N, C-alpha and C. Protein backbone atom coordinates (compact mmCIF):
# COMPACT_ATOMS: atom_id res chain seq x y z
N UNK A 1 0.72 -1.19 0.23
CA UNK A 1 -0.04 0.08 0.47
C UNK A 1 0.84 1.82 -0.23
N UNK A 2 0.72 2.30 -0.57
CA UNK A 2 1.54 3.44 -0.93
C UNK A 2 1.29 4.01 0.55
N UNK A 3 2.25 5.57 0.49
CA UNK A 3 2.01 5.89 1.54
C UNK A 3 0.92 6.85 1.53
N UNK A 4 0.68 7.45 0.87
CA UNK A 4 -0.71 8.15 0.36
C UNK A 4 -1.81 7.50 0.58
N UNK A 5 -2.50 6.28 -0.31
CA UNK A 5 -3.63 5.49 0.23
C UNK A 5 -3.60 5.55 2.06
N UNK A 6 -2.48 4.72 2.38
CA UNK A 6 -2.34 4.44 4.05
C UNK A 6 -2.38 6.18 4.72
N UNK A 7 -2.13 7.21 4.05
CA UNK A 7 -2.47 8.46 4.98
C UNK A 7 -4.14 8.90 5.04
N UNK A 8 -4.67 8.90 3.46
CA UNK A 8 -5.85 8.30 3.32
C UNK A 8 -6.69 7.55 4.23
N UNK A 9 -6.75 6.78 4.14
CA UNK A 9 -7.21 5.47 5.65
C UNK A 9 -7.04 6.07 6.68
N UNK A 10 -5.91 6.54 7.40
CA UNK A 10 -5.74 6.95 8.74
C UNK A 10 -6.68 8.35 8.81
N UNK A 11 -6.83 9.16 7.41
CA UNK A 11 -7.67 10.19 8.00
C UNK A 11 -9.07 9.73 8.05
N UNK A 12 -9.53 8.85 7.16
CA UNK A 12 -10.81 8.45 7.01
C UNK A 12 -11.43 8.07 8.81
N UNK A 13 -10.21 7.29 9.31
CA UNK A 13 -10.64 6.30 10.48
C UNK A 13 -10.86 7.26 11.14
N UNK A 14 -9.50 8.35 11.39
CA UNK A 14 -9.80 9.14 12.34
C UNK A 14 -10.88 10.15 12.22
N UNK A 15 -11.72 10.34 10.91
CA UNK A 15 -12.92 11.11 10.66
C UNK A 15 -14.06 10.23 11.83
N UNK A 16 -13.96 9.13 11.68
CA UNK A 16 -15.12 7.74 11.98
C UNK A 16 -14.92 8.27 13.80
N UNK A 17 -13.66 8.71 13.99
CA UNK A 17 -13.38 8.44 15.43
C UNK A 17 -14.81 9.48 16.12
N UNK A 18 -15.04 9.22 17.10
CA UNK A 18 -15.73 9.83 18.22
C UNK A 18 -14.87 11.55 17.83
N UNK A 19 -16.03 12.63 17.68
CA UNK A 19 -15.87 13.67 17.31
C UNK A 19 -15.84 14.73 19.14
N UNK A 20 -14.77 15.44 18.94
CA UNK A 20 -14.34 16.63 20.54
C UNK A 20 -16.35 16.28 21.17
N UNK A 21 -16.24 16.19 22.46
CA UNK A 21 -17.43 16.78 23.01
C UNK A 21 -16.97 18.08 23.44
N UNK A 22 -17.67 18.89 24.25
CA UNK A 22 -18.29 20.54 24.40
C UNK A 22 -16.61 20.53 25.82
N UNK A 23 -16.72 19.69 25.87
CA UNK A 23 -15.44 19.96 27.17
C UNK A 23 -13.86 19.83 26.47
N UNK A 24 -13.82 18.99 25.83
CA UNK A 24 -12.43 19.06 24.64
C UNK A 24 -12.41 19.93 23.59
N UNK A 25 -13.76 20.58 23.04
CA UNK A 25 -13.61 22.00 22.74
C UNK A 25 -13.03 23.22 23.55
N UNK A 26 -13.69 23.15 24.86
CA UNK A 26 -13.36 24.41 25.49
C UNK A 26 -11.58 23.89 25.65
N UNK A 27 -11.22 22.81 26.17
CA UNK A 27 -9.44 22.42 26.04
C UNK A 27 -8.88 22.88 25.15
N UNK A 28 -9.58 22.82 23.76
CA UNK A 28 -8.67 23.24 22.67
C UNK A 28 -9.06 24.57 22.23
N UNK A 29 -10.13 25.48 22.65
CA UNK A 29 -10.16 26.95 22.36
C UNK A 29 -9.57 27.76 23.93
N UNK A 30 -9.18 26.76 24.76
CA UNK A 30 -8.34 27.46 25.98
C UNK A 30 -9.31 28.03 27.01
N UNK A 31 -10.55 27.63 26.88
CA UNK A 31 -11.87 28.53 27.65
C UNK A 31 -11.96 27.53 28.49
N UNK A 32 -11.24 26.49 28.44
CA UNK A 32 -11.98 25.67 29.98
C UNK A 32 -12.26 25.75 30.96
N UNK A 33 -10.97 26.94 31.35
CA UNK A 33 -10.79 27.39 32.84
C UNK A 33 -12.17 28.15 33.22
N UNK A 34 -11.97 29.33 32.33
CA UNK A 34 -13.22 30.26 32.31
C UNK A 34 -14.68 29.58 32.56
N UNK A 35 -15.03 28.49 31.37
CA UNK A 35 -16.27 27.70 31.64
C UNK A 35 -16.29 27.16 33.00
N UNK A 36 -15.45 26.79 33.62
CA UNK A 36 -15.47 26.10 34.78
C UNK A 36 -15.78 26.65 35.62
N UNK A 37 -15.12 27.76 35.60
CA UNK A 37 -15.80 29.01 36.87
C UNK A 37 -17.32 29.03 36.22
N UNK A 38 -17.35 29.69 35.65
CA UNK A 38 -19.07 29.91 34.73
C UNK A 38 -19.54 29.02 35.71
N UNK A 39 -19.12 27.41 35.58
CA UNK A 39 -20.62 26.36 36.04
C UNK A 39 -20.36 26.57 37.41
N UNK A 40 -18.98 26.40 37.79
CA UNK A 40 -18.84 26.64 39.46
C UNK A 40 -19.88 27.73 39.99
N UNK A 41 -20.01 28.89 39.27
CA UNK A 41 -20.68 29.84 40.02
C UNK A 41 -22.39 29.81 39.82
N UNK A 42 -22.63 29.40 38.56
CA UNK A 42 -24.02 28.72 38.53
C UNK A 42 -24.27 27.68 39.55
N UNK A 43 -23.08 26.91 39.45
CA UNK A 43 -23.75 25.61 40.93
C UNK A 43 -23.79 26.52 42.25
N UNK A 44 -23.13 27.52 42.46
CA UNK A 44 -22.68 28.74 43.98
C UNK A 44 -24.13 29.17 43.65
N UNK A 45 -25.20 29.38 42.79
CA UNK A 45 -25.98 30.71 42.48
C UNK A 45 -27.46 29.94 42.84
N UNK A 46 -27.27 28.04 43.30
CA UNK A 46 -28.44 27.32 43.28
C UNK A 46 -29.32 27.03 42.18
N UNK A 47 -28.35 26.94 40.53
CA UNK A 47 -29.07 26.82 39.27
C UNK A 47 -28.85 25.28 39.03
N UNK A 48 -29.93 25.05 39.10
CA UNK A 48 -30.27 23.16 38.94
C UNK A 48 -29.19 23.11 37.62
N UNK A 49 -28.86 21.64 37.45
CA UNK A 49 -28.22 20.71 36.48
C UNK A 49 -28.53 21.20 34.99
N UNK A 50 -30.09 21.31 35.32
CA UNK A 50 -30.74 21.66 33.75
C UNK A 50 -30.48 22.87 33.60
N UNK A 51 -30.35 23.74 34.18
CA UNK A 51 -30.13 24.98 34.49
C UNK A 51 -28.73 25.89 34.25
N UNK A 52 -27.81 24.79 34.38
CA UNK A 52 -26.62 25.00 33.85
C UNK A 52 -26.13 24.52 32.59
N UNK A 53 -27.01 23.40 31.97
CA UNK A 53 -26.87 22.94 30.92
C UNK A 53 -27.35 23.91 29.70
N UNK A 54 -28.27 24.31 30.11
CA UNK A 54 -28.99 25.44 29.35
C UNK A 54 -28.32 26.91 28.96
N UNK A 55 -27.51 26.96 30.05
CA UNK A 55 -26.15 28.40 30.22
C UNK A 55 -25.13 28.26 29.00
N UNK A 56 -25.02 26.88 28.60
CA UNK A 56 -23.94 26.45 27.68
C UNK A 56 -24.54 26.19 26.51
N UNK A 57 -26.38 25.94 26.18
CA UNK A 57 -27.01 25.69 25.21
C UNK A 57 -26.58 23.76 24.96
N UNK A 58 -26.66 22.81 25.67
CA UNK A 58 -26.26 21.42 25.88
C UNK A 58 -27.65 21.11 26.45
N UNK A 59 -27.85 19.61 26.75
CA UNK A 59 -29.12 18.96 26.76
C UNK A 59 -28.63 18.90 29.04
N UNK A 60 -29.30 18.25 29.35
CA UNK A 60 -28.87 17.80 30.96
C UNK A 60 -28.84 16.79 30.57
N UNK A 61 -28.86 15.86 29.85
CA UNK A 61 -28.39 14.98 30.27
C UNK A 61 -26.72 14.50 29.05
N UNK A 62 -26.55 15.67 28.01
CA UNK A 62 -24.81 15.95 27.64
C UNK A 62 -24.34 16.40 28.85
N UNK A 63 -24.96 17.02 29.47
CA UNK A 63 -24.28 17.78 31.15
C UNK A 63 -24.31 16.59 31.87
N UNK A 64 -24.51 15.84 32.23
CA UNK A 64 -24.35 14.28 32.78
C UNK A 64 -23.14 13.19 32.33
N UNK A 65 -23.32 13.23 31.09
CA UNK A 65 -22.57 13.00 30.04
C UNK A 65 -20.76 13.38 30.43
N UNK A 66 -20.97 14.66 30.48
CA UNK A 66 -19.53 14.94 30.19
C UNK A 66 -19.18 15.30 31.56
N UNK A 67 -20.10 15.41 32.63
CA UNK A 67 -19.64 15.11 34.13
C UNK A 67 -18.74 13.63 34.45
N UNK A 68 -19.42 12.41 33.46
CA UNK A 68 -18.98 11.24 33.83
C UNK A 68 -17.53 11.53 33.19
N UNK A 69 -17.32 11.82 32.01
CA UNK A 69 -16.09 11.93 31.37
C UNK A 69 -14.94 12.46 32.20
N UNK A 70 -15.22 13.66 32.28
CA UNK A 70 -14.11 14.82 32.88
C UNK A 70 -14.75 15.19 34.31
N UNK A 71 -14.39 14.86 35.09
CA UNK A 71 -13.59 14.86 36.25
C UNK A 71 -13.76 16.44 37.09
N UNK A 72 -13.29 17.34 36.35
CA UNK A 72 -13.27 19.07 36.62
C UNK A 72 -14.54 19.28 36.59
N UNK A 73 -15.29 18.73 35.59
CA UNK A 73 -16.60 19.20 35.08
C UNK A 73 -17.55 19.25 36.84
N UNK A 74 -17.52 17.90 36.63
CA UNK A 74 -18.28 17.63 38.08
C UNK A 74 -17.84 18.36 39.34
N UNK A 75 -16.39 18.32 39.51
CA UNK A 75 -15.61 18.94 40.80
C UNK A 75 -16.34 20.49 40.99
N UNK A 76 -16.25 20.91 39.76
CA UNK A 76 -17.15 22.54 40.05
C UNK A 76 -17.94 22.71 39.81
N UNK A 77 -19.21 21.39 40.13
CA UNK A 77 -20.11 21.77 40.14
C UNK A 77 -20.51 21.09 41.84
N UNK A 78 -20.08 20.24 42.18
CA UNK A 78 -19.64 20.27 43.04
C UNK A 78 -19.35 21.01 44.35
N UNK A 79 -18.38 21.42 43.92
CA UNK A 79 -17.67 22.73 44.52
C UNK A 79 -18.66 23.65 44.97
N UNK A 80 -19.38 24.12 43.80
CA UNK A 80 -20.50 25.30 43.85
C UNK A 80 -21.25 24.90 44.78
N UNK A 81 -22.04 23.74 45.13
CA UNK A 81 -22.91 22.85 45.54
C UNK A 81 -22.75 23.38 47.34
N UNK A 82 -21.41 22.81 47.30
CA UNK A 82 -20.66 22.30 48.79
C UNK A 82 -20.52 24.07 49.22
N UNK A 83 -19.55 25.11 48.62
CA UNK A 83 -19.92 26.52 49.20
C UNK A 83 -21.09 26.86 49.82
N UNK A 84 -22.44 26.71 48.95
CA UNK A 84 -23.63 27.07 49.33
C UNK A 84 -23.83 26.38 50.66
N UNK A 85 -23.90 25.07 50.78
CA UNK A 85 -23.89 24.32 51.95
C UNK A 85 -23.25 24.68 53.42
N UNK A 86 -21.70 25.33 53.10
CA UNK A 86 -21.02 25.66 53.99
C UNK A 86 -21.75 27.05 54.41
N UNK A 87 -22.23 28.08 53.40
CA UNK A 87 -22.61 29.27 53.68
C UNK A 87 -23.90 29.02 54.74
N UNK A 88 -24.94 27.97 54.06
CA UNK A 88 -25.96 27.94 54.96
C UNK A 88 -25.55 27.71 56.65
N UNK A 89 -24.77 26.85 56.55
CA UNK A 89 -24.16 26.29 57.74
C UNK A 89 -23.47 27.75 58.74
N UNK A 90 -22.68 28.13 58.03
CA UNK A 90 -22.36 29.51 58.80
C UNK A 90 -23.59 30.51 59.89
N UNK A 91 -24.52 30.69 58.16
CA UNK A 91 -25.35 31.44 59.13
C UNK A 91 -26.36 31.01 59.93
N UNK A 92 -26.72 29.73 60.12
CA UNK A 92 -27.09 28.87 61.06
C UNK A 92 -26.29 28.94 62.44
N UNK A 93 -25.37 28.64 62.29
CA UNK A 93 -24.25 28.93 63.65
C UNK A 93 -24.52 30.52 64.05
N UNK A 94 -24.76 31.08 62.97
CA UNK A 94 -24.41 32.96 63.56
C UNK A 94 -25.72 32.47 64.50
N UNK A 95 -27.08 32.24 63.84
CA UNK A 95 -28.28 32.28 64.32
C UNK A 95 -28.11 31.81 65.70
N UNK A 96 -28.04 30.30 65.59
CA UNK A 96 -27.44 29.82 67.19
C UNK A 96 -26.34 30.33 67.97
N UNK A 97 -25.81 30.92 67.63
CA UNK A 97 -24.98 32.03 68.92
C UNK A 97 -25.36 33.06 69.32
N UNK A 98 -26.62 33.20 68.25
CA UNK A 98 -27.08 34.93 68.77
C UNK A 98 -28.71 34.04 69.74
N UNK A 99 -28.69 32.96 70.11
CA UNK A 99 -29.83 32.33 70.69
C UNK A 99 -31.59 31.91 70.09
N UNK A 100 -31.07 32.11 68.70
CA UNK A 100 -32.66 31.92 68.26
C UNK A 100 -32.75 30.49 68.28
N UNK A 101 -33.67 30.14 69.12
CA UNK A 101 -34.42 29.14 69.73
C UNK A 101 -34.86 28.18 68.52
N UNK A 102 -35.78 28.64 67.59
CA UNK A 102 -35.31 28.06 66.19
C UNK A 102 -34.59 27.46 65.83
N UNK A 103 -33.53 27.57 65.58
CA UNK A 103 -32.03 27.61 65.07
C UNK A 103 -31.30 26.40 65.88
N UNK A 104 -31.52 27.06 67.01
CA UNK A 104 -30.94 26.49 67.75
C UNK A 104 -31.22 24.69 67.99
N UNK A 105 -32.90 24.57 68.12
CA UNK A 105 -33.49 23.58 68.10
C UNK A 105 -33.18 22.31 66.59
N UNK A 106 -33.40 23.20 65.56
CA UNK A 106 -32.81 22.88 63.96
C UNK A 106 -31.29 22.13 64.39
N UNK A 107 -30.92 22.99 64.68
CA UNK A 107 -28.92 22.27 64.83
C UNK A 107 -28.41 21.17 65.70
N UNK A 108 -29.38 21.14 67.05
CA UNK A 108 -29.75 20.07 67.51
C UNK A 108 -30.33 18.90 66.71
N UNK A 109 -31.16 18.58 66.03
CA UNK A 109 -31.93 18.07 65.32
C UNK A 109 -30.74 17.50 64.65
N UNK A 110 -30.05 18.31 63.85
CA UNK A 110 -29.57 18.01 62.44
C UNK A 110 -28.19 17.25 63.46
N UNK A 111 -27.20 18.26 64.16
CA UNK A 111 -26.16 17.59 64.51
C UNK A 111 -25.76 16.52 65.31
N UNK A 112 -27.23 16.69 66.70
CA UNK A 112 -27.01 16.27 67.67
C UNK A 112 -27.50 15.00 67.76
N UNK A 113 -27.66 13.87 66.69
CA UNK A 113 -28.01 12.44 66.54
C UNK A 113 -29.51 12.07 66.90
N UNK A 114 -29.24 11.13 67.42
CA UNK A 114 -30.47 10.43 67.11
C UNK A 114 -30.99 11.08 69.08
N UNK A 115 -30.48 11.36 69.49
CA UNK A 115 -30.94 11.94 71.06
C UNK A 115 -31.91 13.40 70.62
N UNK A 116 -31.74 13.60 69.86
CA UNK A 116 -32.71 15.04 69.80
C UNK A 116 -33.26 15.03 68.38
N UNK A 117 -33.35 13.54 67.67
CA UNK A 117 -34.21 13.69 66.90
C UNK A 117 -35.40 13.62 67.20
N UNK A 118 -36.47 14.04 66.40
CA UNK A 118 -37.98 13.38 66.96
C UNK A 118 -38.55 12.12 66.33
N UNK A 119 -37.73 11.76 65.50
CA UNK A 119 -38.13 10.62 64.29
C UNK A 119 -37.48 9.66 65.65
N UNK A 120 -38.10 8.92 66.51
CA UNK A 120 -37.60 7.60 67.07
C UNK A 120 -37.87 6.03 66.14
N UNK A 121 -36.85 5.28 65.97
CA UNK A 121 -36.98 3.63 65.63
C UNK A 121 -37.86 2.80 66.43
N UNK A 122 -39.41 2.33 66.05
CA UNK A 122 -39.50 1.65 66.87
C UNK A 122 -39.55 0.27 66.08
N UNK A 123 -39.18 -0.69 67.02
CA UNK A 123 -38.91 -2.17 66.39
C UNK A 123 -40.09 -3.13 67.01
N UNK A 124 -40.71 -3.49 66.15
CA UNK A 124 -42.39 -4.28 66.22
C UNK A 124 -42.19 -5.69 65.87
N UNK A 125 -42.34 -6.13 67.14
CA UNK A 125 -41.88 -8.07 66.71
C UNK A 125 -43.16 -8.69 66.89
N UNK A 126 -43.50 -9.56 66.06
CA UNK A 126 -44.55 -10.46 65.94
C UNK A 126 -44.08 -11.84 66.43
N UNK A 127 -44.54 -12.17 67.76
CA UNK A 127 -44.47 -13.09 68.61
C UNK A 127 -45.47 -14.19 68.14
N UNK A 128 -45.63 -15.76 68.18
CA UNK A 128 -47.04 -16.29 68.95
C UNK A 128 -47.39 -16.73 67.50
N UNK A 129 -48.70 -17.44 68.17
CA UNK A 129 -49.48 -18.01 66.93
C UNK A 129 -50.81 -16.81 66.16
N UNK A 130 -50.80 -16.79 64.96
CA UNK A 130 -52.18 -15.55 65.04
C UNK A 130 -53.20 -15.84 65.31
N UNK A 131 -53.91 -14.98 65.49
CA UNK A 131 -55.27 -15.07 66.50
C UNK A 131 -56.10 -14.76 65.24
N UNK A 132 -57.59 -15.68 65.20
CA UNK A 132 -58.28 -15.35 64.17
C UNK A 132 -59.28 -14.39 65.68
N UNK A 133 -59.98 -13.47 64.78
CA UNK A 133 -61.05 -12.77 65.25
C UNK A 133 -62.06 -12.81 64.62
N UNK A 134 -62.97 -12.76 65.47
CA UNK A 134 -64.72 -12.83 64.71
C UNK A 134 -65.45 -11.36 65.14
N UNK A 135 -65.31 -10.56 64.79
CA UNK A 135 -66.68 -9.76 65.60
C UNK A 135 -68.06 -9.86 66.00
N UNK A 136 -68.14 -9.82 67.25
CA UNK A 136 -69.73 -9.84 68.00
C UNK A 136 -70.71 -9.05 67.24
N UNK A 137 -71.47 -8.88 66.81
CA UNK A 137 -72.63 -7.76 65.98
C UNK A 137 -73.85 -8.88 66.17
N UNK A 138 -74.95 -8.37 66.68
CA UNK A 138 -76.19 -8.24 67.12
C UNK A 138 -76.76 -7.60 66.81
N UNK A 139 -78.00 -7.74 66.18
CA UNK A 139 -78.97 -6.60 65.05
C UNK A 139 -80.32 -7.15 66.05
N UNK A 140 -80.80 -6.29 66.29
CA UNK A 140 -82.37 -6.20 66.80
C UNK A 140 -82.97 -5.30 65.67
N UNK A 141 -84.38 -6.63 65.50
CA UNK A 141 -85.23 -6.05 64.68
C UNK A 141 -86.55 -5.79 65.14
N UNK A 142 -87.22 -4.91 64.77
CA UNK A 142 -88.71 -5.09 65.53
C UNK A 142 -89.14 -6.32 65.23
N UNK A 143 -90.57 -6.61 66.23
CA UNK A 143 -91.49 -7.80 66.48
C UNK A 143 -91.92 -7.60 65.06
N UNK A 144 -92.88 -6.55 64.97
CA UNK A 144 -93.61 -6.43 63.64
C UNK A 144 -93.69 -5.40 63.43
N UNK A 145 -94.20 -5.10 61.76
CA UNK A 145 -94.00 -3.65 61.62
C UNK A 145 -94.60 -2.51 62.06
N UNK A 146 -96.00 -3.11 62.93
CA UNK A 146 -96.61 -1.77 63.60
C UNK A 146 -95.55 -0.76 64.28
N UNK A 147 -94.51 -2.02 64.68
CA UNK A 147 -93.47 -1.25 65.80
C UNK A 147 -92.35 -0.16 65.00
N UNK A 148 -92.27 -0.78 64.09
CA UNK A 148 -91.46 0.30 62.83
C UNK A 148 -91.73 1.52 62.05
N UNK A 149 -93.21 1.62 62.60
CA UNK A 149 -94.03 2.83 62.29
C UNK A 149 -94.96 2.33 60.96
N UNK A 150 -95.04 1.44 60.59
CA UNK A 150 -95.88 1.06 58.91
C UNK A 150 -96.70 0.50 60.03
N UNK A 151 -97.77 1.61 59.71
CA UNK A 151 -99.44 1.37 59.51
C UNK A 151 -99.91 1.87 58.40
N UNK A 152 -100.48 1.10 57.87
CA UNK A 152 -101.39 1.54 57.07
C UNK A 152 -102.95 1.15 57.47
N UNK A 153 -102.99 1.28 58.52
CA UNK A 153 -104.42 0.98 59.15
C UNK A 153 -104.80 -0.53 59.71
N UNK A 154 -104.04 -1.30 59.11
CA UNK A 154 -104.19 -2.46 59.52
C UNK A 154 -103.71 -3.04 60.76
N UNK A 155 -104.61 -3.69 61.70
CA UNK A 155 -104.00 -4.37 62.80
C UNK A 155 -103.32 -5.69 62.71
N UNK A 156 -102.34 -5.52 63.03
CA UNK A 156 -101.81 -6.95 63.00
C UNK A 156 -102.54 -8.23 64.28
């Protein structure tokens, strides 16, 4: 096979390979750091995965697949979410420190473990043989129709 034929075959094989995904395009364009910062910022603003995807004109599914393929993208979203959690924890602790009773109760329930949790686990165990219960029902009927008020002028 001649070298020109071989290079044509290599080119054809390369074109059949998977095309570059959005993240790879960002790397090629040199915009990956900027776009990761945007993703993290959107995540910090509480934007949903769908909203983040829409900001880059892609579907939610595409964003989810990109996160699986590129850990840096998944980390940017996770870091944004965790910063929101940290901010909320800080605000909660400020309110606890200031004596806000509701905040104190909430913090105890969240951080205090089972002792401060309203939800108690109850373990029920059935032992012994099953018991059949028949209801005891008695129905009282009037002796005659006249007692029930059904009088059409006839005596019984």
